[in-house]
Amino acid sequence: PLPWTDEDPSYGFGDAAPHLPQPDWFADYTVAAESTDPDSSL
C-alpha cells in the first residue's frame, strides 16, 4: 500500500495496519513530503 502522509499506522493509507507491511523507508517517499519538494520524483 502507498504512503500518503507520515501518519501512523499506515502512512496515511488508512486507519489500520495495511494488508501488506510497509517498510520504514516509506517515510521518505510519502505524497505529502514529495509534494513540497521541487526535486522529488512526484
Full PDB file with SEQRES, HELIX, SHEET, SSBOND, CRYST1, ORIGX, SCALE, CONECT and MASTER records, all heavy atoms in Angstrom:
SEQRES   1 A   42  PRO LEU PRO TRP THR ASP GLU ASP PRO SER TYR GLY PHE          
SEQRES   2 A   42  GLY ASP ALA ALA PRO HIS LEU PRO GLN PRO ASP TRP PHE          
SEQRES   3 A   42  ALA ASP TYR THR VAL ALA ALA GLU SER THR ASP PRO ASP          
SEQRES   4 A   42  SER SER LEU                                                  
HELIX    1 AA1 ASP A   24  TYR A   29  5                                   6    
HELIX    2 AA2 VAL A   31  SER A   35  1                                   5    
CRYST1    1.000    1.000    1.000  90.00  90.00  90.00 P 1           1          
ORIGX1      1.000000  0.000000  0.000000        0.00000                         
ORIGX2      0.000000  1.000000  0.000000        0.00000                         
ORIGX3      0.000000  0.000000  1.000000        0.00000                         
SCALE1      1.000000  0.000000  0.000000        0.00000                         
SCALE2      0.000000  1.000000  0.000000        0.00000                         
SCALE3      0.000000  0.000000  1.000000        0.00000                         
ATOM      1  N   PRO A   1       0.801  -1.231   0.000  1.00  0.00           N  
ATOM      2  CA  PRO A   1       0.000   0.000   0.000  1.00  0.00           C  
ATOM      3  C   PRO A   1       0.829   1.274   0.000  1.00  0.00           C  
ATOM      4  O   PRO A   1       1.903   1.348   0.603  1.00  0.00           O  
ATOM      5  CB  PRO A   1      -0.825  -0.139   1.283  1.00  0.00           C  
ATOM      6  CG  PRO A   1      -1.030  -1.618   1.416  1.00  0.00           C  
ATOM      7  CD  PRO A   1       0.280  -2.212   0.974  1.00  0.00           C  
ATOM      8  N   LEU A   2       0.305   2.286  -0.690  1.00  0.00           N  
ATOM      9  CA  LEU A   2       1.029   3.528  -0.910  1.00  0.00           C  
ATOM     10  C   LEU A   2       1.179   4.346   0.366  1.00  0.00           C  
ATOM     11  O   LEU A   2       0.300   4.354   1.228  1.00  0.00           O  
ATOM     12  CB  LEU A   2       0.308   4.378  -1.961  1.00  0.00           C  
ATOM     13  CG  LEU A   2       0.198   3.812  -3.379  1.00  0.00           C  
ATOM     14  CD1 LEU A   2      -0.376   4.879  -4.301  1.00  0.00           C  
ATOM     15  CD2 LEU A   2       1.542   3.326  -3.890  1.00  0.00           C  
ATOM     16  N   PRO A   3       2.280   5.103   0.471  1.00  0.00           N  
ATOM     17  CA  PRO A   3       2.450   6.049   1.584  1.00  0.00           C  
ATOM     18  C   PRO A   3       1.959   7.446   1.190  1.00  0.00           C  
ATOM     19  O   PRO A   3       2.482   8.060   0.253  1.00  0.00           O  
ATOM     20  CB  PRO A   3       3.961   6.037   1.805  1.00  0.00           C  
ATOM     21  CG  PRO A   3       4.542   5.777   0.437  1.00  0.00           C  
ATOM     22  CD  PRO A   3       3.521   4.937  -0.313  1.00  0.00           C  
ATOM     23  N   TRP A   4       0.969   7.931   1.892  1.00  0.00           N  
ATOM     24  CA  TRP A   4       0.406   9.241   1.562  1.00  0.00           C  
ATOM     25  C   TRP A   4       0.943  10.348   2.479  1.00  0.00           C  
ATOM     26  O   TRP A   4       1.245  11.440   2.029  1.00  0.00           O  
ATOM     27  CB  TRP A   4      -1.119   9.187   1.651  1.00  0.00           C  
ATOM     28  CG  TRP A   4      -1.732   8.303   0.616  1.00  0.00           C  
ATOM     29  CD1 TRP A   4      -2.062   6.979   0.728  1.00  0.00           C  
ATOM     30  CD2 TRP A   4      -2.063   8.664  -0.735  1.00  0.00           C  
ATOM     31  NE1 TRP A   4      -2.582   6.499  -0.444  1.00  0.00           N  
ATOM     32  CE2 TRP A   4      -2.596   7.515  -1.363  1.00  0.00           C  
ATOM     33  CE3 TRP A   4      -1.972   9.842  -1.462  1.00  0.00           C  
ATOM     34  CZ2 TRP A   4      -3.031   7.528  -2.694  1.00  0.00           C  
ATOM     35  CZ3 TRP A   4      -2.399   9.862  -2.785  1.00  0.00           C  
ATOM     36  CH2 TRP A   4      -2.915   8.715  -3.381  1.00  0.00           C  
ATOM     37  N   THR A   5       1.006  10.049   3.772  1.00  0.00           N  
ATOM     38  CA  THR A   5       1.487  11.031   4.751  1.00  0.00           C  
ATOM     39  C   THR A   5       2.404  10.306   5.727  1.00  0.00           C  
ATOM     40  O   THR A   5       2.651   9.100   5.596  1.00  0.00           O  
ATOM     41  CB  THR A   5       0.311  11.656   5.527  1.00  0.00           C  
ATOM     42  OG1 THR A   5      -0.285  10.637   6.368  1.00  0.00           O  
ATOM     43  CG2 THR A   5      -0.754  12.215   4.588  1.00  0.00           C  
ATOM     44  N   ASP A   6       2.895  11.025   6.738  1.00  0.00           N  
ATOM     45  CA  ASP A   6       3.733  10.384   7.759  1.00  0.00           C  
ATOM     46  C   ASP A   6       2.913   9.887   8.949  1.00  0.00           C  
ATOM     47  O   ASP A   6       3.457   9.567  10.005  1.00  0.00           O  
ATOM     48  CB  ASP A   6       4.833  11.338   8.225  1.00  0.00           C  
ATOM     49  CG  ASP A   6       4.277  12.627   8.836  1.00  0.00           C  
ATOM     50  OD1 ASP A   6       3.035  12.770   8.917  1.00  0.00           O  
ATOM     51  OD2 ASP A   6       5.088  13.488   9.229  1.00  0.00           O  
ATOM     52  N   GLU A   7       1.590   9.830   8.784  1.00  0.00           N  
ATOM     53  CA  GLU A   7       0.722   9.437   9.896  1.00  0.00           C  
ATOM     54  C   GLU A   7       0.747   7.923  10.116  1.00  0.00           C  
ATOM     55  O   GLU A   7       0.765   7.139   9.173  1.00  0.00           O  
ATOM     56  CB  GLU A   7      -0.718   9.879   9.613  1.00  0.00           C  
ATOM     57  CG  GLU A   7      -0.883  11.389   9.488  1.00  0.00           C  
ATOM     58  CD  GLU A   7      -2.289  11.780   9.049  1.00  0.00           C  
ATOM     59  OE1 GLU A   7      -3.142  10.880   8.962  1.00  0.00           O  
ATOM     60  OE2 GLU A   7      -2.519  12.959   8.776  1.00  0.00           O  
ATOM     61  N   ASP A   8       0.723   7.528  11.390  1.00  0.00           N  
ATOM     62  CA  ASP A   8       0.591   6.111  11.746  1.00  0.00           C  
ATOM     63  C   ASP A   8      -0.853   5.696  11.591  1.00  0.00           C  
ATOM     64  O   ASP A   8      -1.764   6.536  11.639  1.00  0.00           O  
ATOM     65  CB  ASP A   8       1.056   5.898  13.192  1.00  0.00           C  
ATOM     66  CG  ASP A   8       2.565   6.089  13.338  1.00  0.00           C  
ATOM     67  OD1 ASP A   8       3.259   5.855  12.338  1.00  0.00           O  
ATOM     68  OD2 ASP A   8       3.016   6.464  14.428  1.00  0.00           O  
ATOM     69  N   PRO A   9      -1.168   4.407  11.455  1.00  0.00           N  
ATOM     70  CA  PRO A   9      -0.227   3.283  11.429  1.00  0.00           C  
ATOM     71  C   PRO A   9       0.158   2.856  10.012  1.00  0.00           C  
ATOM     72  O   PRO A   9       0.793   1.822   9.847  1.00  0.00           O  
ATOM     73  CB  PRO A   9      -1.037   2.182  12.099  1.00  0.00           C  
ATOM     74  CG  PRO A   9      -2.443   2.446  11.630  1.00  0.00           C  
ATOM     75  CD  PRO A   9      -2.575   3.938  11.532  1.00  0.00           C  
ATOM     76  N   SER A  10      -0.232   3.615   8.983  1.00  0.00           N  
ATOM     77  CA  SER A  10      -0.042   3.108   7.618  1.00  0.00           C  
ATOM     78  C   SER A  10       0.358   4.206   6.635  1.00  0.00           C  
ATOM     79  O   SER A  10       0.021   4.126   5.462  1.00  0.00           O  
ATOM     80  CB  SER A  10      -1.327   2.426   7.134  1.00  0.00           C  
ATOM     81  OG  SER A  10      -2.400   3.366   7.091  1.00  0.00           O  
ATOM     82  N   TYR A  11       1.068   5.223   7.131  1.00  0.00           N  
ATOM     83  CA  TYR A  11       1.492   6.322   6.270  1.00  0.00           C  
ATOM     84  C   TYR A  11       0.321   6.926   5.502  1.00  0.00           C  
ATOM     85  O   TYR A  11       0.415   7.225   4.310  1.00  0.00           O  
ATOM     86  CB  TYR A  11       2.580   5.855   5.293  1.00  0.00           C  
ATOM     87  CG  TYR A  11       3.863   5.457   5.986  1.00  0.00           C  
ATOM     88  CD1 TYR A  11       4.229   4.121   6.077  1.00  0.00           C  
ATOM     89  CD2 TYR A  11       4.706   6.416   6.551  1.00  0.00           C  
ATOM     90  CE1 TYR A  11       5.403   3.750   6.724  1.00  0.00           C  
ATOM     91  CE2 TYR A  11       5.869   6.057   7.198  1.00  0.00           C  
ATOM     92  CZ  TYR A  11       6.216   4.725   7.277  1.00  0.00           C  
ATOM     93  OH  TYR A  11       7.376   4.362   7.928  1.00  0.00           O  
ATOM     94  N   GLY A  12      -0.807   7.100   6.203  1.00  0.00           N  
ATOM     95  CA  GLY A  12      -1.957   7.751   5.598  1.00  0.00           C  
ATOM     96  C   GLY A  12      -2.773   6.883   4.675  1.00  0.00           C  
ATOM     97  O   GLY A  12      -3.762   7.353   4.099  1.00  0.00           O  
ATOM     98  N   PHE A  13      -2.391   5.610   4.525  1.00  0.00           N  
ATOM     99  CA  PHE A  13      -3.178   4.699   3.676  1.00  0.00           C  
ATOM    100  C   PHE A  13      -4.551   4.466   4.270  1.00  0.00           C  
ATOM    101  O   PHE A  13      -5.552   4.377   3.550  1.00  0.00           O  
ATOM    102  CB  PHE A  13      -2.414   3.377   3.528  1.00  0.00           C  
ATOM    103  CG  PHE A  13      -3.201   2.270   2.876  1.00  0.00           C  
ATOM    104  CD1 PHE A  13      -3.512   2.313   1.525  1.00  0.00           C  
ATOM    105  CD2 PHE A  13      -3.627   1.168   3.616  1.00  0.00           C  
ATOM    106  CE1 PHE A  13      -4.233   1.285   0.927  1.00  0.00           C  
ATOM    107  CE2 PHE A  13      -4.343   0.144   3.026  1.00  0.00           C  
ATOM    108  CZ  PHE A  13      -4.644   0.200   1.677  1.00  0.00           C  
ATOM    109  N   GLY A  14      -4.650   4.370   5.596  1.00  0.00           N  
ATOM    110  CA  GLY A  14      -5.917   4.147   6.283  1.00  0.00           C  
ATOM    111  C   GLY A  14      -5.704   4.150   7.774  1.00  0.00           C  
ATOM    112  O   GLY A  14      -4.596   4.441   8.266  1.00  0.00           O  
ATOM    113  N   ASP A  15      -6.752   3.792   8.510  1.00  0.00           N  
ATOM    114  CA  ASP A  15      -6.699   3.852   9.976  1.00  0.00           C  
ATOM    115  C   ASP A  15      -6.307   2.541  10.616  1.00  0.00           C  
ATOM    116  O   ASP A  15      -6.423   2.390  11.841  1.00  0.00           O  
ATOM    117  CB  ASP A  15      -8.056   4.298  10.526  1.00  0.00           C  
ATOM    118  CG  ASP A  15      -8.398   5.729  10.125  1.00  0.00           C  
ATOM    119  OD1 ASP A  15      -7.449   6.513   9.904  1.00  0.00           O  
ATOM    120  OD2 ASP A  15      -9.589   6.051  10.017  1.00  0.00           O  
ATOM    121  N   ALA A  16      -5.854   1.593   9.840  1.00  0.00           N  
ATOM    122  CA  ALA A  16      -5.436   0.296  10.379  1.00  0.00           C  
ATOM    123  C   ALA A  16      -4.158  -0.144   9.681  1.00  0.00           C  
ATOM    124  O   ALA A  16      -3.771   0.408   8.639  1.00  0.00           O  
ATOM    125  CB  ALA A  16      -6.540  -0.752  10.181  1.00  0.00           C  
ATOM    126  N   ALA A  17      -3.495  -1.131  10.248  1.00  0.00           N  
ATOM    127  CA  ALA A  17      -2.309  -1.681   9.611  1.00  0.00           C  
ATOM    128  C   ALA A  17      -2.698  -2.226   8.241  1.00  0.00           C  
ATOM    129  O   ALA A  17      -3.724  -2.886   8.093  1.00  0.00           O  
ATOM    130  CB  ALA A  17      -1.708  -2.781  10.476  1.00  0.00           C  
ATOM    131  N   PRO A  18      -1.902  -1.985   7.225  1.00  0.00           N  
ATOM    132  CA  PRO A  18      -2.263  -2.404   5.870  1.00  0.00           C  
ATOM    133  C   PRO A  18      -2.095  -3.902   5.668  1.00  0.00           C  
ATOM    134  O   PRO A  18      -1.393  -4.585   6.426  1.00  0.00           O  
ATOM    135  CB  PRO A  18      -1.287  -1.633   4.993  1.00  0.00           C  
ATOM    136  CG  PRO A  18      -0.091  -1.434   5.859  1.00  0.00           C  
ATOM    137  CD  PRO A  18      -0.623  -1.254   7.255  1.00  0.00           C  
ATOM    138  N   HIS A  19      -2.727  -4.416   4.621  1.00  0.00           N  
ATOM    139  CA  HIS A  19      -2.744  -5.863   4.385  1.00  0.00           C  
ATOM    140  C   HIS A  19      -1.377  -6.408   3.990  1.00  0.00           C  
ATOM    141  O   HIS A  19      -1.123  -7.603   4.141  1.00  0.00           O  
ATOM    142  CB  HIS A  19      -3.787  -6.217   3.318  1.00  0.00           C  
ATOM    143  CG  HIS A  19      -3.475  -5.691   1.946  1.00  0.00           C  
ATOM    144  ND1 HIS A  19      -2.889  -6.453   0.972  1.00  0.00           N  
ATOM    145  CD2 HIS A  19      -3.681  -4.473   1.397  1.00  0.00           C  
ATOM    146  CE1 HIS A  19      -2.750  -5.736  -0.124  1.00  0.00           C  
ATOM    147  NE2 HIS A  19      -3.217  -4.528   0.097  1.00  0.00           N  
ATOM    148  N   LEU A  20      -0.488  -5.559   3.483  1.00  0.00           N  
ATOM    149  CA  LEU A  20       0.916  -5.911   3.282  1.00  0.00           C  
ATOM    150  C   LEU A  20       1.748  -4.889   4.046  1.00  0.00           C  
ATOM    151  O   LEU A  20       1.431  -3.687   4.035  1.00  0.00           O  
ATOM    152  CB  LEU A  20       1.289  -5.882   1.795  1.00  0.00           C  
ATOM    153  CG  LEU A  20       0.840  -7.073   0.943  1.00  0.00           C  
ATOM    154  CD1 LEU A  20       1.049  -6.765  -0.544  1.00  0.00           C  
ATOM    155  CD2 LEU A  20       1.589  -8.343   1.324  1.00  0.00           C  
ATOM    156  N   PRO A  21       2.813  -5.325   4.725  1.00  0.00           N  
ATOM    157  CA  PRO A  21       3.557  -4.400   5.592  1.00  0.00           C  
ATOM    158  C   PRO A  21       4.347  -3.368   4.801  1.00  0.00           C  
ATOM    159  O   PRO A  21       4.972  -3.677   3.783  1.00  0.00           O  
ATOM    160  CB  PRO A  21       4.496  -5.339   6.361  1.00  0.00           C  
ATOM    161  CG  PRO A  21       4.684  -6.518   5.460  1.00  0.00           C  
ATOM    162  CD  PRO A  21       3.361  -6.694   4.758  1.00  0.00           C  
ATOM    163  N   GLN A  22       4.328  -2.135   5.295  1.00  0.00           N  
ATOM    164  CA  GLN A  22       5.086  -1.052   4.687  1.00  0.00           C  
ATOM    165  C   GLN A  22       6.426  -0.909   5.416  1.00  0.00           C  
ATOM    166  O   GLN A  22       6.482  -0.989   6.639  1.00  0.00           O  
ATOM    167  CB  GLN A  22       4.305   0.262   4.781  1.00  0.00           C  
ATOM    168  CG  GLN A  22       2.963   0.251   4.055  1.00  0.00           C  
ATOM    169  CD  GLN A  22       2.051   1.369   4.532  1.00  0.00           C  
ATOM    170  OE1 GLN A  22       1.811   1.493   5.734  1.00  0.00           O  
ATOM    171  NE2 GLN A  22       1.541   2.166   3.607  1.00  0.00           N  
ATOM    172  N   PRO A  23       7.510  -0.667   4.685  1.00  0.00           N  
ATOM    173  CA  PRO A  23       8.820  -0.527   5.330  1.00  0.00           C  
ATOM    174  C   PRO A  23       9.005   0.854   5.942  1.00  0.00           C  
ATOM    175  O   PRO A  23       8.328   1.820   5.570  1.00  0.00           O  
ATOM    176  CB  PRO A  23       9.790  -0.743   4.165  1.00  0.00           C  
ATOM    177  CG  PRO A  23       9.042  -0.222   2.970  1.00  0.00           C  
ATOM    178  CD  PRO A  23       7.592  -0.583   3.221  1.00  0.00           C  
ATOM    179  N   ASP A  24       9.953   0.974   6.850  1.00  0.00           N  
ATOM    180  CA  ASP A  24      10.217   2.255   7.489  1.00  0.00           C  
ATOM    181  C   ASP A  24      10.662   3.317   6.485  1.00  0.00           C  
ATOM    182  O   ASP A  24      10.380   4.502   6.667  1.00  0.00           O  
ATOM    183  CB  ASP A  24      11.288   2.095   8.573  1.00  0.00           C  
ATOM    184  CG  ASP A  24      10.808   1.256   9.757  1.00  0.00           C  
ATOM    185  OD1 ASP A  24       9.582   1.119   9.915  1.00  0.00           O  
ATOM    186  OD2 ASP A  24      11.669   0.739  10.504  1.00  0.00           O  
ATOM    187  N   TRP A  25      11.366   2.895   5.430  1.00  0.00           N  
ATOM    188  CA  TRP A  25      11.882   3.889   4.483  1.00  0.00           C  
ATOM    189  C   TRP A  25      10.791   4.564   3.677  1.00  0.00           C  
ATOM    190  O   TRP A  25      11.043   5.566   2.993  1.00  0.00           O  
ATOM    191  CB  TRP A  25      12.943   3.273   3.571  1.00  0.00           C  
ATOM    192  CG  TRP A  25      12.589   2.026   2.825  1.00  0.00           C  
ATOM    193  CD1 TRP A  25      12.859   0.744   3.197  1.00  0.00           C  
ATOM    194  CD2 TRP A  25      11.925   1.945   1.553  1.00  0.00           C  
ATOM    195  NE1 TRP A  25      12.400  -0.143   2.244  1.00  0.00           N  
ATOM    196  CE2 TRP A  25      11.840   0.556   1.233  1.00  0.00           C  
ATOM    197  CE3 TRP A  25      11.411   2.880   0.661  1.00  0.00           C  
ATOM    198  CZ2 TRP A  25      11.240   0.109   0.046  1.00  0.00           C  
ATOM    199  CZ3 TRP A  25      10.817   2.441  -0.508  1.00  0.00           C  
ATOM    200  CH2 TRP A  25      10.736   1.073  -0.811  1.00  0.00           C  
ATOM    201  N   PHE A  26       9.554   4.069   3.768  1.00  0.00           N  
ATOM    202  CA  PHE A  26       8.433   4.746   3.113  1.00  0.00           C  
ATOM    203  C   PHE A  26       8.260   6.171   3.626  1.00  0.00           C  
ATOM    204  O   PHE A  26       7.673   7.008   2.935  1.00  0.00           O  
ATOM    205  CB  PHE A  26       7.140   3.959   3.342  1.00  0.00           C  
ATOM    206  CG  PHE A  26       6.748   3.065   2.196  1.00  0.00           C  
ATOM    207  CD1 PHE A  26       7.693   2.587   1.306  1.00  0.00           C  
ATOM    208  CD2 PHE A  26       5.424   2.688   2.010  1.00  0.00           C  
ATOM    209  CE1 PHE A  26       7.336   1.748   0.254  1.00  0.00           C  
ATOM    210  CE2 PHE A  26       5.049   1.859   0.955  1.00  0.00           C  
ATOM    211  CZ  PHE A  26       6.010   1.393   0.082  1.00  0.00           C  
ATOM    212  N   ALA A  27       8.740   6.457   4.838  1.00  0.00           N  
ATOM    213  CA  ALA A  27       8.571   7.798   5.405  1.00  0.00           C  
ATOM    214  C   ALA A  27       9.193   8.871   4.518  1.00  0.00           C  
ATOM    215  O   ALA A  27       8.754  10.037   4.539  1.00  0.00           O  
ATOM    216  CB  ALA A  27       9.188   7.847   6.803  1.00  0.00           C  
ATOM    217  N   ASP A  28      10.199   8.506   3.730  1.00  0.00           N  
ATOM    218  CA  ASP A  28      10.860   9.471   2.857  1.00  0.00           C  
ATOM    219  C   ASP A  28      10.195   9.582   1.492  1.00  0.00           C  
ATOM    220  O   ASP A  28      10.647  10.387   0.652  1.00  0.00           O  
ATOM    221  CB  ASP A  28      12.326   9.081   2.663  1.00  0.00           C  
ATOM    222  CG  ASP A  28      13.115   9.111   3.964  1.00  0.00           C  
ATOM    223  OD1 ASP A  28      12.822   9.979   4.803  1.00  0.00           O  
ATOM    224  OD2 ASP A  28      14.001   8.254   4.143  1.00  0.00           O  
ATOM    225  N   TYR A  29       9.151   8.798   1.259  1.00  0.00           N  
ATOM    226  CA  TYR A  29       8.544   8.732  -0.075  1.00  0.00           C  
ATOM    227  C   TYR A  29       7.046   9.023  -0.044  1.00  0.00           C  
ATOM    228  O   TYR A  29       6.332   8.608  -0.944  1.00  0.00           O  
ATOM    229  CB  TYR A  29       8.791   7.357  -0.692  1.00  0.00           C  
ATOM    230  CG  TYR A  29      10.242   7.078  -1.019  1.00  0.00           C  
ATOM    231  CD1 TYR A  29      11.108   6.589  -0.055  1.00  0.00           C  
ATOM    232  CD2 TYR A  29      10.748   7.337  -2.284  1.00  0.00           C  
ATOM    233  CE1 TYR A  29      12.443   6.351  -0.343  1.00  0.00           C  
ATOM    234  CE2 TYR A  29      12.084   7.101  -2.587  1.00  0.00           C  
ATOM    235  CZ  TYR A  29      12.922   6.610  -1.600  1.00  0.00           C  
ATOM    236  OH  TYR A  29      14.247   6.375  -1.898  1.00  0.00           O  
ATOM    237  N   THR A  30       6.568   9.731   0.936  1.00  0.00           N  
ATOM    238  CA  THR A  30       5.136   9.994   1.023  1.00  0.00           C  
ATOM    239  C   THR A  30       4.720  11.080   0.026  1.00  0.00           C  
ATOM    240  O   THR A  30       5.533  11.932  -0.366  1.00  0.00           O  
ATOM    241  CB  THR A  30       4.734  10.446   2.435  1.00  0.00           C  
ATOM    242  OG1 THR A  30       5.319  11.727   2.700  1.00  0.00           O  
ATOM    243  CG2 THR A  30       5.189   9.438   3.488  1.00  0.00           C  
ATOM    244  N   VAL A  31       3.462  11.039  -0.352  1.00  0.00           N  
ATOM    245  CA  VAL A  31       2.922  12.079  -1.228  1.00  0.00           C  
ATOM    246  C   VAL A  31       3.069  13.451  -0.575  1.00  0.00           C  
ATOM    247  O   VAL A  31       3.451  14.432  -1.229  1.00  0.00           O  
ATOM    248  CB  VAL A  31       1.455  11.780  -1.562  1.00  0.00           C  
ATOM    249  CG1 VAL A  31       0.812  12.969  -2.287  1.00  0.00           C  
ATOM    250  CG2 VAL A  31       1.340  10.516  -2.403  1.00  0.00           C  
ATOM    251  N   ALA A  32       2.795  13.529   0.725  1.00  0.00           N  
ATOM    252  CA  ALA A  32       2.869  14.815   1.420  1.00  0.00           C  
ATOM    253  C   ALA A  32       4.279  15.386   1.373  1.00  0.00           C  
ATOM    254  O   ALA A  32       4.476  16.579   1.102  1.00  0.00           O  
ATOM    255  CB  ALA A  32       2.410  14.646   2.868  1.00  0.00           C  
ATOM    256  N   ALA A  33       5.276  14.547   1.646  1.00  0.00           N  
ATOM    257  CA  ALA A  33       6.658  15.029   1.651  1.00  0.00           C  
ATOM    258  C   ALA A  33       7.107  15.427   0.252  1.00  0.00           C  
ATOM    259  O   ALA A  33       7.772  16.465   0.067  1.00  0.00           O  
ATOM    260  CB  ALA A  33       7.582  13.953   2.232  1.00  0.00           C  
ATOM    261  N   GLU A  34       6.776  14.627  -0.734  1.00  0.00           N  
ATOM    262  CA  GLU A  34       7.259  14.899  -2.090  1.00  0.00           C  
ATOM    263  C   GLU A  34       6.518  16.066  -2.745  1.00  0.00           C  
ATOM    264  O   GLU A  34       7.051  16.707  -3.656  1.00  0.00           O  
ATOM    265  CB  GLU A  34       7.145  13.640  -2.945  1.00  0.00           C  
ATOM    266  CG  GLU A  34       8.082  12.527  -2.491  1.00  0.00           C  
ATOM    267  CD  GLU A  34       8.320  11.474  -3.559  1.00  0.00           C  
ATOM    268  OE1 GLU A  34       8.108  11.778  -4.754  1.00  0.00           O  
ATOM    269  OE2 GLU A  34       8.720  10.357  -3.199  1.00  0.00           O  
ATOM    270  N   SER A  35       5.296  16.334  -2.298  1.00  0.00           N  
ATOM    271  CA  SER A  35       4.523  17.426  -2.900  1.00  0.00           C  
ATOM    272  C   SER A  35       5.167  18.781  -2.651  1.00  0.00           C  
ATOM    273  O   SER A  35       4.971  19.725  -3.439  1.00  0.00           O  
ATOM    274  CB  SER A  35       3.093  17.424  -2.358  1.00  0.00           C  
ATOM    275  OG  SER A  35       2.382  16.309  -2.835  1.00  0.00           O  
ATOM    276  N   THR A  36       5.916  18.910  -1.560  1.00  0.00           N  
ATOM    277  CA  THR A  36       6.537  20.198  -1.225  1.00  0.00           C  
ATOM    278  C   THR A  36       8.011  20.246  -1.606  1.00  0.00           C  
ATOM    279  O   THR A  36       8.684  21.242  -1.322  1.00  0.00           O  
ATOM    280  CB  THR A  36       6.392  20.467   0.278  1.00  0.00           C  
ATOM    281  OG1 THR A  36       6.996  19.394   1.015  1.00  0.00           O  
ATOM    282  CG2 THR A  36       4.921  20.576   0.660  1.00  0.00           C  
ATOM    283  N   ASP A  37       8.507  19.210  -2.244  1.00  0.00           N  
ATOM    284  CA  ASP A  37       9.912  19.141  -2.632  1.00  0.00           C  
ATOM    285  C   ASP A  37      10.016  19.276  -4.152  1.00  0.00           C  
ATOM    286  O   ASP A  37       9.631  18.370  -4.887  1.00  0.00           O  
ATOM    287  CB  ASP A  37      10.511  17.807  -2.184  1.00  0.00           C  
ATOM    288  CG  ASP A  37      11.974  17.656  -2.574  1.00  0.00           C  
ATOM    289  OD1 ASP A  37      12.530  18.579  -3.190  1.00  0.00           O  
ATOM    290  OD2 ASP A  37      12.560  16.597  -2.259  1.00  0.00           O  
ATOM    291  N   PRO A  38      10.525  20.382  -4.651  1.00  0.00           N  
ATOM    292  CA  PRO A  38      10.575  20.592  -6.108  1.00  0.00           C  
ATOM    293  C   PRO A  38      11.502  19.605  -6.826  1.00  0.00           C  
ATOM    294  O   PRO A  38      11.396  19.451  -8.047  1.00  0.00           O  
ATOM    295  CB  PRO A  38      11.083  22.022  -6.248  1.00  0.00           C  
ATOM    296  CG  PRO A  38      11.795  22.306  -4.962  1.00  0.00           C  
ATOM    297  CD  PRO A  38      11.061  21.532  -3.909  1.00  0.00           C  
ATOM    298  N   ASP A  39      12.382  18.952  -6.098  1.00  0.00           N  
ATOM    299  CA  ASP A  39      13.310  17.998  -6.707  1.00  0.00           C  
ATOM    300  C   ASP A  39      12.851  16.551  -6.570  1.00  0.00           C  
ATOM    301  O   ASP A  39      13.581  15.642  -6.962  1.00  0.00           O  
ATOM    302  CB  ASP A  39      14.700  18.148  -6.075  1.00  0.00           C  
ATOM    303  CG  ASP A  39      15.308  19.516  -6.312  1.00  0.00           C  
ATOM    304  OD1 ASP A  39      15.114  20.054  -7.415  1.00  0.00           O  
ATOM    305  OD2 ASP A  39      15.961  20.033  -5.388  1.00  0.00           O  
ATOM    306  N   SER A  40      11.655  16.331  -6.041  1.00  0.00           N  
ATOM    307  CA  SER A  40      11.182  14.972  -5.794  1.00  0.00           C  
ATOM    308  C   SER A  40      10.747  14.287  -7.085  1.00  0.00           C  
ATOM    309  O   SER A  40      10.519  14.936  -8.113  1.00  0.00           O  
ATOM    310  CB  SER A  40      10.005  14.983  -4.815  1.00  0.00           C  
ATOM    311  OG  SER A  40       8.853  15.552  -5.430  1.00  0.00           O  
ATOM    312  N   SER A  41      10.607  12.983  -6.990  1.00  0.00           N  
ATOM    313  CA  SER A  41      10.095  12.214  -8.123  1.00  0.00           C  
ATOM    314  C   SER A  41       8.682  12.655  -8.478  1.00  0.00           C  
ATOM    315  O   SER A  41       8.350  12.803  -9.659  1.00  0.00           O  
ATOM    316  CB  SER A  41      10.124  10.722  -7.786  1.00  0.00           C  
ATOM    317  OG  SER A  41       9.614   9.955  -8.848  1.00  0.00           O  
ATOM    318  N   LEU A  42       7.844  12.897  -7.480  1.00  0.00           N  
ATOM    319  CA  LEU A  42       6.472  13.315  -7.744  1.00  0.00           C  
ATOM    320  C   LEU A  42       6.441  14.650  -8.479  1.00  0.00           C  
ATOM    321  O   LEU A  42       5.662  14.825  -9.433  1.00  0.00           O  
ATOM    322  CB  LEU A  42       5.699  13.415  -6.427  1.00  0.00           C  
ATOM    323  CG  LEU A  42       4.244  13.873  -6.525  1.00  0.00           C  
ATOM    324  CD1 LEU A  42       3.428  12.957  -7.426  1.00  0.00           C  
ATOM    325  CD2 LEU A  42       3.612  13.944  -5.125  1.00  0.00           C  
TER     326      LEU A  42                                                      
MASTER        0    0    0    2    0    0    0    6  325    1    0    4          
END                                                                             
